[in-house]
Amino acid sequence: MSSLSERRRLALVWCAAALHAAIFFALGVDRYLTHHSLVDFGVFTQVTASAFSAFSSTWEGVTHWGVHFSPILLLCAPLVIALHSGLALTAIQTIAIALAIPAVYLIARRRASANLAVLVAAVAFLYPPMAGLDFTDFHETVFEPAAALWLLWAIDNRRWPVAYLCAAILLSVKEDQAIVLAIIAIATIALLGRRHERDGVRFGAIALAASVVVFVGYFIAARHIAGASAPHETARFYAWTWGQLATWGVHTLPDRIGYLLLAFVPLAFVPLRSPIVLLAVPGLAECVLSREIGPFTPGSHYAGAWIPYLLAAFATTAPRLRAGWTVASVVLCLLNFAIADPLHPGYFLGVPAARDHRLDAVLSRLPAEASIGTQEEAFTHLGFDPNAQIGLENEPEYALLDYDYPSSVALAWTANELRPLLAKGCYRLVEREGGIQLYRRERACATGSYPGGNHA
């Protein structure tokens, strides 16, 4: 094959990655404009907008360092602040995930013809769990697929400067990445040590040491310095009791099995033929063993912890099989969207309607940095207001409810908090437009705690 033909195929893959980013950015913009972004979009907008000051959100209640070790967010902050929009995070998210596609191609290309490698990259382009990760609200986990896949490519090709960079990125995403990177480091030492490849062994030793320092240092020191006195929030996912195992655990077993099937079926179970699939075990366990439903919900951000390792296992194994397996995977990915679309476009997408324009107009008239308690449809558009919050804890100056979004969970919570406060004369209605009711605090009253604040 000529070098020109090779370059054209690689260019095709990069163009596909750009198309992937463009498509999901457009979908993310639509979701934002129609007020279908959820709480975490507002949370991460607040966190990144305050990255060089408080680095916090009203939802988390403490600096983000007390919730997760995510210095990668500091790199996102300049663009978010410069554009003064949470949509900057959407752009970062779509680009970060799209960068995984060329890595899959290059991993496969080392073992297959260019044509088959392009087909493997097409599987990555269509893989439903990665599409779900791209479409959901921004989280640190969007950086995991590309960073992990390029790390594996770098180790495979002995590109150690790239490997160090990718390892550093993984460690800066979230504290749990230290566990997987430590496993990769140990495997690198074992495999390349036998071949007496000193550069590889050195990389493995440094990556292992860095992983231990980040993991232990975060839980022993960093969280406490940040003022986090409670146990790590993700611990609540696994605090099972025997009664819960016998009831909720049994009842949700079909959902957990279904989650695993939605991970493996689109890849035609090919990753199970590769030892690389073992790297996906910690992430998959983190999801399917959770007490709460969020981690094993298709389309959730938690999938970022295992997606890259299933794709890497597929990219290294599919070339050893007949091309029909890769074609079947493409078909299965398309069928997944037709039967169990993780994007749920019927709910999250639409044309901006009168209710959306009405809410935007009311939000634009609020005083700058007003203390306001509201529901997620409004909160997600108030990311640059450090005093905006979900619910009415601590008696914010304003309370905004919009009954034109009746499916909002936080609407029901906020309305329940507001009802007794209205009876006491603590808040007064100052504006009503369509389903929107805007209240202003007239006097201080004792309030209870909002039943939220758990974020992981």
Protein backbone atom coordinates (compact mmCIF):
# COMPACT_ATOMS: atom_id res chain seq x y z
CA MET A 1 0.00 0.00 0.00
CA SER A 2 1.35 3.42 -0.95
CA SER A 3 2.14 5.98 1.71
CA LEU A 4 -0.35 8.31 -0.02
CA SER A 5 -3.14 5.76 0.43
CA GLU A 6 -2.13 5.29 4.06
CA ARG A 7 -2.21 9.04 4.68
CA ARG A 8 -5.63 9.31 3.07
CA ARG A 9 -7.06 6.66 5.34
CA LEU A 10 -5.57 8.30 8.41
CA ALA A 11 -6.96 11.65 7.24
CA LEU A 12 -10.34 9.98 6.80
CA VAL A 13 -10.24 8.79 10.41
CA TRP A 14 -9.32 12.25 11.69
CA CYS A 15 -12.15 13.75 9.60
CA ALA A 16 -14.52 11.19 11.14
CA ALA A 17 -13.34 12.27 14.61
CA ALA A 18 -14.01 15.91 13.70
CA LEU A 19 -17.46 14.95 12.41
CA HIS A 20 -18.16 13.06 15.64
CA ALA A 21 -17.24 16.14 17.68
CA ALA A 22 -19.36 18.43 15.47
CA ILE A 23 -22.41 16.18 15.69
CA PHE A 24 -22.30 15.88 19.46
CA PHE A 25 -21.56 19.55 19.96
CA ALA A 26 -24.69 20.37 17.95
CA LEU A 27 -26.70 17.90 20.01
CA GLY A 28 -25.28 19.36 23.23
CA VAL A 29 -26.20 22.89 22.15
CA ASP A 30 -29.75 21.77 21.41
CA ARG A 31 -29.99 20.07 24.79
CA TYR A 32 -28.77 23.24 26.49
CA LEU A 33 -31.01 25.64 24.57
CA THR A 34 -34.08 23.53 25.31
CA HIS A 35 -33.17 23.41 29.02
CA HIS A 36 -32.65 19.64 29.07
CA SER A 37 -29.22 19.75 30.68
CA LEU A 38 -29.31 18.33 34.19
CA VAL A 39 -27.81 19.34 37.51
CA ASP A 40 -24.22 18.31 36.79
CA PHE A 41 -23.96 20.70 33.85
CA GLY A 42 -24.58 23.58 36.23
CA VAL A 43 -22.28 22.04 38.84
CA PHE A 44 -19.27 21.82 36.53
CA THR A 45 -19.94 25.24 35.05
CA GLN A 46 -19.84 26.71 38.57
CA VAL A 47 -16.72 24.70 39.45
CA THR A 48 -14.73 25.66 36.35
CA ALA A 49 -15.96 29.27 36.37
CA SER A 50 -14.53 29.59 39.90
CA ALA A 51 -11.46 27.43 39.23
CA PHE A 52 -9.00 30.14 40.24
CA SER A 53 -10.90 31.19 43.34
CA ALA A 54 -13.37 28.99 45.22
CA PHE A 55 -13.23 26.04 42.76
CA SER A 56 -16.62 24.96 44.07
CA SER A 57 -20.35 24.71 43.43
CA THR A 58 -23.33 25.26 45.69
CA TRP A 59 -24.41 21.66 45.02
CA GLU A 60 -21.20 20.11 46.34
CA GLY A 61 -20.96 22.53 49.25
CA VAL A 62 -17.15 22.30 49.52
CA THR A 63 -14.27 22.97 47.19
CA HIS A 64 -14.20 20.39 44.41
CA TRP A 65 -10.89 19.11 45.76
CA GLY A 66 -12.91 17.62 48.60
CA VAL A 67 -15.10 15.71 46.13
CA HIS A 68 -12.66 14.51 43.47
CA PHE A 69 -9.02 14.94 42.51
CA SER A 70 -9.54 16.63 39.13
CA PRO A 71 -6.81 19.17 38.29
CA ILE A 72 -7.74 18.65 34.61
CA LEU A 73 -10.61 21.07 35.26
CA LEU A 74 -8.10 23.86 35.79
CA LEU A 75 -7.11 23.45 32.13
CA CYS A 76 -10.75 23.76 31.09
CA ALA A 77 -11.33 26.92 33.09
CA PRO A 78 -9.64 29.53 30.83
CA LEU A 79 -11.90 28.67 27.86
CA VAL A 80 -15.03 28.54 30.02
CA ILE A 81 -14.20 31.90 31.60
CA ALA A 82 -13.20 33.50 28.28
CA LEU A 83 -16.41 32.42 26.52
CA HIS A 84 -18.52 33.00 29.65
CA SER A 85 -20.63 29.96 28.80
CA GLY A 86 -21.05 26.42 30.02
CA LEU A 87 -21.19 25.40 26.35
CA ALA A 88 -17.41 25.71 26.36
CA LEU A 89 -17.46 22.52 28.44
CA THR A 90 -19.65 20.88 25.80
CA ALA A 91 -17.07 21.77 23.14
CA ILE A 92 -14.22 20.43 25.28
CA GLN A 93 -16.19 17.24 25.96
CA THR A 94 -16.92 16.47 22.31
CA ILE A 95 -13.33 17.09 21.22
CA ALA A 96 -11.88 15.04 24.08
CA ILE A 97 -14.03 12.03 23.25
CA ALA A 98 -13.53 12.32 19.49
CA LEU A 99 -9.77 12.03 20.02
CA ALA A 100 -10.31 8.41 21.05
CA ILE A 101 -11.28 7.40 17.50
CA PRO A 102 -7.86 7.92 15.84
CA ALA A 103 -6.21 6.09 18.74
CA VAL A 104 -8.41 3.05 18.09
CA TYR A 105 -7.49 3.18 14.41
CA LEU A 106 -3.75 3.31 15.13
CA ILE A 107 -3.94 0.46 17.65
CA ALA A 108 -5.76 -1.68 15.07
CA ARG A 109 -3.53 -0.54 12.18
CA ARG A 110 -0.47 -2.05 13.87
CA ARG A 111 -2.18 -5.42 13.51
CA ALA A 112 -4.43 -5.10 10.45
CA SER A 113 -4.71 -3.68 6.96
CA ALA A 114 -5.64 -0.01 6.66
CA ASN A 115 -9.10 -0.94 5.38
CA LEU A 116 -9.85 -3.19 8.35
CA ALA A 117 -8.39 -0.62 10.75
CA VAL A 118 -10.77 2.00 9.33
CA LEU A 119 -13.65 -0.40 9.93
CA VAL A 120 -12.49 -0.88 13.53
CA ALA A 121 -12.39 2.91 13.92
CA ALA A 122 -15.96 3.00 12.59
CA VAL A 123 -16.97 0.78 15.50
CA ALA A 124 -15.46 3.32 17.90
CA PHE A 125 -17.30 6.10 16.04
CA LEU A 126 -20.62 4.27 16.52
CA TYR A 127 -20.06 2.62 19.92
CA PRO A 128 -23.25 3.50 21.86
CA PRO A 129 -21.72 3.76 25.37
CA MET A 130 -19.20 6.31 24.09
CA ALA A 131 -21.99 8.23 22.37
CA GLY A 132 -23.87 8.24 25.67
CA LEU A 133 -20.80 9.56 27.48
CA ASP A 134 -20.49 12.30 24.85
CA PHE A 135 -24.13 13.33 25.10
CA THR A 136 -24.60 13.38 28.84
CA ASP A 137 -23.72 16.36 31.03
CA PHE A 138 -20.03 17.24 31.24
CA HIS A 139 -17.94 15.31 33.78
CA GLU A 140 -14.22 14.77 34.24
CA THR A 141 -14.67 11.25 32.89
CA VAL A 142 -14.93 12.55 29.31
CA PHE A 143 -11.12 12.72 29.26
CA GLU A 144 -10.64 9.06 30.17
CA PRO A 145 -11.27 7.26 26.83
CA ALA A 146 -8.79 9.22 24.70
CA ALA A 147 -6.15 9.47 27.44
CA ALA A 148 -6.28 5.72 28.14
CA LEU A 149 -6.35 4.67 24.48
CA TRP A 150 -3.46 6.93 23.50
CA LEU A 151 -1.55 5.66 26.55
CA LEU A 152 -1.99 2.05 25.40
CA TRP A 153 -0.98 3.05 21.85
CA ALA A 154 2.11 4.80 23.19
CA ILE A 155 3.16 1.79 25.26
CA ASP A 156 2.50 -0.51 22.30
CA ASN A 157 4.69 1.64 20.05
CA ARG A 158 7.29 2.55 22.70
CA ARG A 159 6.50 6.26 22.43
CA TRP A 160 7.48 7.04 25.99
CA PRO A 161 7.08 10.86 25.97
CA VAL A 162 3.47 10.38 24.83
CA ALA A 163 2.99 7.66 27.43
CA TYR A 164 4.17 9.97 30.25
CA LEU A 165 1.85 12.72 29.02
CA CYS A 166 -1.18 10.40 28.83
CA ALA A 167 -0.43 8.92 32.25
CA ALA A 168 -0.28 12.43 33.71
CA ILE A 169 -3.62 13.28 32.09
CA LEU A 170 -5.26 10.15 33.50
CA LEU A 171 -4.02 10.92 37.00
CA SER A 172 -5.37 14.46 36.70
CA VAL A 173 -8.88 13.31 35.76
CA LYS A 174 -10.07 11.53 38.89
CA GLU A 175 -8.59 9.66 41.81
CA ASP A 176 -9.94 6.26 40.71
CA GLN A 177 -7.78 6.40 37.56
CA ALA A 178 -4.76 5.85 39.77
CA ILE A 179 -5.95 2.27 40.33
CA VAL A 180 -6.13 1.36 36.65
CA LEU A 181 -2.92 3.20 35.82
CA ALA A 182 -1.16 1.23 38.57
CA ILE A 183 -2.38 -2.02 36.98
CA ILE A 184 -1.16 -0.85 33.56
CA ALA A 185 2.18 0.12 35.10
CA ILE A 186 2.64 -3.28 36.77
CA ALA A 187 1.75 -5.08 33.52
CA THR A 188 4.23 -2.89 31.62
CA ILE A 189 7.01 -3.69 34.09
CA ALA A 190 6.26 -7.42 33.91
CA LEU A 191 6.00 -7.66 30.12
CA LEU A 192 8.82 -5.34 29.12
CA GLY A 193 11.06 -6.42 31.99
CA ARG A 194 11.22 -9.88 30.46
CA ARG A 195 12.43 -8.28 27.24
CA HIS A 196 14.96 -6.15 29.08
CA GLU A 197 13.43 -2.93 27.75
CA ARG A 198 14.72 -0.49 30.29
CA ASP A 199 12.78 2.54 29.04
CA GLY A 200 9.53 0.62 29.40
CA VAL A 201 10.40 -0.63 32.87
CA ARG A 202 11.35 2.89 33.90
CA PHE A 203 8.02 4.22 32.63
CA GLY A 204 6.15 1.49 34.52
CA ALA A 205 8.01 2.21 37.76
CA ILE A 206 7.42 5.97 37.54
CA ALA A 207 3.74 5.52 36.59
CA LEU A 208 3.24 3.09 39.47
CA ALA A 209 4.89 5.42 41.98
CA ALA A 210 2.86 8.38 40.72
CA SER A 211 -0.36 6.37 40.97
CA VAL A 212 0.34 5.44 44.58
CA VAL A 213 1.25 9.02 45.48
CA VAL A 214 -1.93 10.42 43.91
CA PHE A 215 -4.27 7.82 45.37
CA VAL A 216 -2.84 7.72 48.87
CA GLY A 217 -2.05 11.42 48.98
CA TYR A 218 -5.57 12.38 47.92
CA PHE A 219 -7.34 10.30 50.55
CA ILE A 220 -4.83 10.81 53.34
CA ALA A 221 -4.10 14.51 52.92
CA ALA A 222 -5.69 16.41 50.04
CA ARG A 223 -9.34 15.78 50.93
CA HIS A 224 -8.82 16.88 54.52
CA ILE A 225 -6.84 19.96 53.52
CA ALA A 226 -9.80 20.82 51.26
CA GLY A 227 -12.12 20.59 54.26
CA ALA A 228 -13.90 17.33 53.39
CA SER A 229 -14.79 15.83 56.77
CA ALA A 230 -17.36 13.28 55.57
CA PRO A 231 -16.44 9.94 53.95
CA HIS A 232 -15.79 10.03 50.21
CA GLU A 233 -19.13 10.46 48.47
CA THR A 234 -18.78 7.46 46.17
CA ALA A 235 -18.60 5.24 49.27
CA ARG A 236 -22.37 5.56 49.55
CA PHE A 237 -22.72 3.61 46.29
CA TYR A 238 -21.34 0.48 47.92
CA ALA A 239 -22.64 0.70 51.49
CA TRP A 240 -24.91 -2.32 51.02
CA THR A 241 -26.85 -3.97 53.84
CA TRP A 242 -28.01 -7.58 53.71
CA GLY A 243 -31.60 -6.40 53.47
CA GLN A 244 -30.81 -4.22 50.47
CA LEU A 245 -28.95 -7.05 48.76
CA ALA A 246 -31.92 -9.38 49.23
CA THR A 247 -34.44 -6.86 47.92
CA TRP A 248 -33.13 -3.98 45.81
CA GLY A 249 -30.07 -5.96 44.72
CA VAL A 250 -32.14 -8.90 43.48
CA HIS A 251 -34.79 -6.70 41.86
CA THR A 252 -32.20 -4.73 39.89
CA LEU A 253 -30.13 -7.75 38.84
CA PRO A 254 -31.72 -7.82 35.34
CA ASP A 255 -30.80 -4.15 34.89
CA ARG A 256 -27.20 -4.82 35.90
CA ILE A 257 -26.94 -7.77 33.52
CA GLY A 258 -28.53 -5.64 30.82
CA TYR A 259 -25.92 -2.95 31.41
CA LEU A 260 -23.13 -5.47 30.82
CA LEU A 261 -24.84 -6.74 27.68
CA LEU A 262 -25.13 -3.19 26.33
CA ALA A 263 -21.37 -2.85 26.88
CA PHE A 264 -20.36 -6.10 25.15
CA VAL A 265 -23.04 -6.89 22.55
CA PRO A 266 -22.22 -3.90 20.29
CA LEU A 267 -18.65 -5.21 20.19
CA ALA A 268 -19.88 -8.75 19.39
CA PHE A 269 -18.18 -9.95 22.61
CA VAL A 270 -14.82 -9.71 20.82
CA PRO A 271 -13.07 -7.99 23.79
CA LEU A 272 -13.54 -11.16 25.86
CA ARG A 273 -10.88 -12.80 23.69
CA SER A 274 -8.21 -10.34 24.87
CA PRO A 275 -6.49 -10.04 28.27
CA ILE A 276 -6.79 -6.25 27.88
CA VAL A 277 -10.45 -6.65 28.86
CA LEU A 278 -9.23 -7.16 32.44
CA LEU A 279 -8.42 -3.44 32.57
CA ALA A 280 -12.15 -2.76 32.17
CA VAL A 281 -13.04 -4.84 35.24
CA PRO A 282 -12.51 -2.08 37.87
CA GLY A 283 -14.68 0.37 35.92
CA LEU A 284 -17.40 -2.17 35.18
CA ALA A 285 -17.42 -3.28 38.82
CA GLU A 286 -17.70 0.34 39.91
CA CYS A 287 -20.89 0.57 37.83
CA VAL A 288 -22.69 -2.75 38.26
CA LEU A 289 -21.98 -3.13 41.99
CA SER A 290 -23.43 0.27 42.85
CA ARG A 291 -26.32 0.54 45.30
CA GLU A 292 -27.66 3.49 43.31
CA ILE A 293 -29.01 3.19 39.80
CA GLY A 294 -27.04 6.03 38.22
CA PRO A 295 -23.75 4.19 37.64
CA PHE A 296 -25.40 1.30 35.78
CA THR A 297 -27.78 3.46 33.76
CA PRO A 298 -26.94 3.30 30.03
CA GLY A 299 -25.69 6.67 28.83
CA SER A 300 -24.27 7.76 32.19
CA HIS A 301 -20.82 9.32 32.58
CA TYR A 302 -19.51 6.46 34.73
CA ALA A 303 -18.92 4.41 31.57
CA GLY A 304 -15.82 6.48 30.86
CA ALA A 305 -13.92 4.27 33.30
CA TRP A 306 -14.30 1.11 31.19
CA ILE A 307 -15.03 2.22 27.60
CA PRO A 308 -11.38 2.67 26.51
CA TYR A 309 -10.32 -0.79 27.62
CA LEU A 310 -13.15 -2.57 25.80
CA LEU A 311 -12.33 -0.60 22.65
CA ALA A 312 -8.61 -1.37 23.02
CA ALA A 313 -9.38 -5.06 23.51
CA PHE A 314 -11.57 -4.94 20.40
CA ALA A 315 -8.94 -3.09 18.34
CA THR A 316 -6.20 -5.60 19.21
CA THR A 317 -8.36 -8.70 18.76
CA ALA A 318 -10.62 -7.97 15.78
CA PRO A 319 -7.66 -8.02 13.32
CA ARG A 320 -6.97 -11.65 14.29
CA LEU A 321 -10.51 -12.64 13.40
CA ARG A 322 -12.41 -12.64 10.15
CA ALA A 323 -13.52 -9.21 8.97
CA GLY A 324 -17.10 -10.38 9.44
CA TRP A 325 -16.75 -9.89 13.19
CA THR A 326 -15.98 -6.20 12.75
CA VAL A 327 -18.80 -5.79 10.22
CA ALA A 328 -21.14 -7.51 12.67
CA SER A 329 -20.05 -5.07 15.36
CA VAL A 330 -20.89 -2.10 13.14
CA VAL A 331 -24.35 -3.57 12.55
CA LEU A 332 -24.86 -4.30 16.24
CA CYS A 333 -23.92 -0.73 17.16
CA LEU A 334 -26.52 0.59 14.74
CA LEU A 335 -29.12 -1.84 16.07
CA ASN A 336 -28.36 -0.69 19.60
CA PHE A 337 -29.30 2.87 18.65
CA ALA A 338 -32.48 1.61 17.01
CA ILE A 339 -33.58 -0.57 19.94
CA ALA A 340 -32.03 0.94 23.11
CA ASP A 341 -30.69 4.38 22.22
CA PRO A 342 -28.62 5.64 25.20
CA LEU A 343 -29.15 9.24 24.04
CA HIS A 344 -32.92 9.20 24.62
CA PRO A 345 -33.37 11.87 21.92
CA GLY A 346 -37.15 11.96 22.32
CA TYR A 347 -36.71 13.38 25.81
CA PHE A 348 -33.53 15.44 25.59
CA LEU A 349 -33.77 16.99 22.12
CA GLY A 350 -36.22 19.33 20.45
CA VAL A 351 -36.75 22.76 18.95
CA PRO A 352 -36.48 25.68 21.40
CA ALA A 353 -40.05 26.55 22.33
CA ALA A 354 -41.86 29.48 23.93
CA ARG A 355 -41.22 28.10 27.43
CA ASP A 356 -37.46 28.05 26.77
CA HIS A 357 -37.39 31.65 25.53
CA ARG A 358 -39.58 32.72 28.46
CA LEU A 359 -37.26 31.15 31.04
CA ASP A 360 -34.20 32.66 29.36
CA ALA A 361 -35.81 36.09 29.48
CA VAL A 362 -36.65 35.83 33.18
CA LEU A 363 -33.14 34.60 34.04
CA SER A 364 -31.59 37.50 32.11
CA ARG A 365 -33.51 39.99 34.25
CA LEU A 366 -32.25 38.63 37.56
CA PRO A 367 -29.67 40.75 39.39
CA ALA A 368 -26.09 39.71 38.69
CA GLU A 369 -24.85 37.01 41.08
CA ALA A 370 -28.25 36.92 42.75
CA SER A 371 -28.79 34.39 45.50
CA ILE A 372 -31.41 32.18 43.85
CA GLY A 373 -32.85 28.77 44.59
CA THR A 374 -34.41 26.93 41.68
CA GLN A 375 -34.70 23.71 39.66
CA GLU A 376 -32.17 22.21 37.25
CA GLU A 377 -33.69 23.74 34.09
CA ALA A 378 -32.77 27.20 35.39
CA PHE A 379 -29.73 26.24 37.49
CA THR A 380 -27.86 24.89 34.45
CA HIS A 381 -28.06 28.37 32.87
CA LEU A 382 -26.79 30.11 36.00
CA GLY A 383 -23.33 28.56 36.14
CA PHE A 384 -21.61 31.93 36.38
CA ASP A 385 -23.69 32.93 39.38
CA PRO A 386 -21.77 31.51 42.37
CA ASN A 387 -24.88 31.97 44.54
CA ALA A 388 -27.30 30.01 42.35
CA GLN A 389 -28.39 26.72 43.86
CA ILE A 390 -30.83 23.85 43.64
CA GLY A 391 -33.52 24.19 46.30
CA LEU A 392 -33.95 26.73 49.08
CA GLU A 393 -31.43 25.77 51.74
CA ASN A 394 -30.05 28.86 53.53
CA GLU A 395 -32.95 30.99 52.26
CA PRO A 396 -31.72 32.46 48.98
CA GLU A 397 -32.88 35.94 48.03
CA TYR A 398 -35.00 34.62 45.16
CA ALA A 399 -36.92 31.41 44.51
CA LEU A 400 -37.81 30.50 40.93
CA LEU A 401 -40.17 27.69 39.95
CA ASP A 402 -41.11 26.92 36.36
CA TYR A 403 -44.09 24.61 36.04
CA ASP A 404 -43.67 24.50 32.26
CA TYR A 405 -41.10 21.76 32.99
CA PRO A 406 -43.34 19.39 34.98
CA SER A 407 -40.95 16.42 34.77
CA SER A 408 -38.30 18.26 36.79
CA VAL A 409 -37.51 16.36 39.99
CA ALA A 410 -35.95 19.43 41.57
CA LEU A 411 -39.12 21.40 40.82
CA ALA A 412 -41.07 19.13 43.18
CA TRP A 413 -38.37 19.39 45.88
CA THR A 414 -38.14 23.17 45.64
CA ALA A 415 -41.93 23.59 45.61
CA ASN A 416 -42.21 21.46 48.76
CA GLU A 417 -39.60 23.63 50.49
CA LEU A 418 -41.28 26.83 49.38
CA ARG A 419 -44.80 25.95 50.49
CA PRO A 420 -44.31 26.37 54.28
CA LEU A 421 -42.16 29.44 53.72
CA LEU A 422 -44.99 31.10 51.82
CA ALA A 423 -47.37 30.28 54.64
CA LYS A 424 -45.01 32.05 57.07
CA GLY A 425 -44.71 35.07 54.80
CA CYS A 426 -40.99 34.51 54.20
CA TYR A 427 -41.28 34.85 50.42
CA ARG A 428 -43.55 36.95 48.21
CA LEU A 429 -44.51 36.41 44.56
CA VAL A 430 -42.96 39.22 42.47
CA GLU A 431 -43.37 37.89 38.92
CA ARG A 432 -45.52 35.35 37.13
CA GLU A 433 -45.10 34.58 33.44
CA GLY A 434 -46.47 31.43 31.87
CA GLY A 435 -45.52 28.62 34.23
CA ILE A 436 -42.79 30.69 35.87
CA GLN A 437 -43.24 31.92 39.43
CA LEU A 438 -40.51 34.16 40.81
CA TYR A 439 -40.49 34.89 44.56
CA ARG A 440 -38.38 37.29 46.61
CA ARG A 441 -37.44 36.73 50.24
CA GLU A 442 -39.20 39.18 52.56
CA ARG A 443 -37.77 38.03 55.87
CA ALA A 444 -35.56 35.29 57.27
CA CYS A 445 -37.12 31.99 58.30
CA ALA A 446 -35.56 28.74 59.52
CA THR A 447 -35.36 26.23 56.67
CA GLY A 448 -34.46 22.60 56.49
CA SER A 449 -31.77 21.07 54.35
CA TYR A 450 -32.33 20.42 50.68
CA PRO A 451 -32.42 16.65 50.10
CA GLY A 452 -29.72 16.79 47.46
CA GLY A 453 -26.05 17.60 47.52
CA ASN A 454 -24.80 14.11 46.71
CA HIS A 455 -22.58 14.29 43.69
CA ALA A 456 -19.95 11.89 42.47
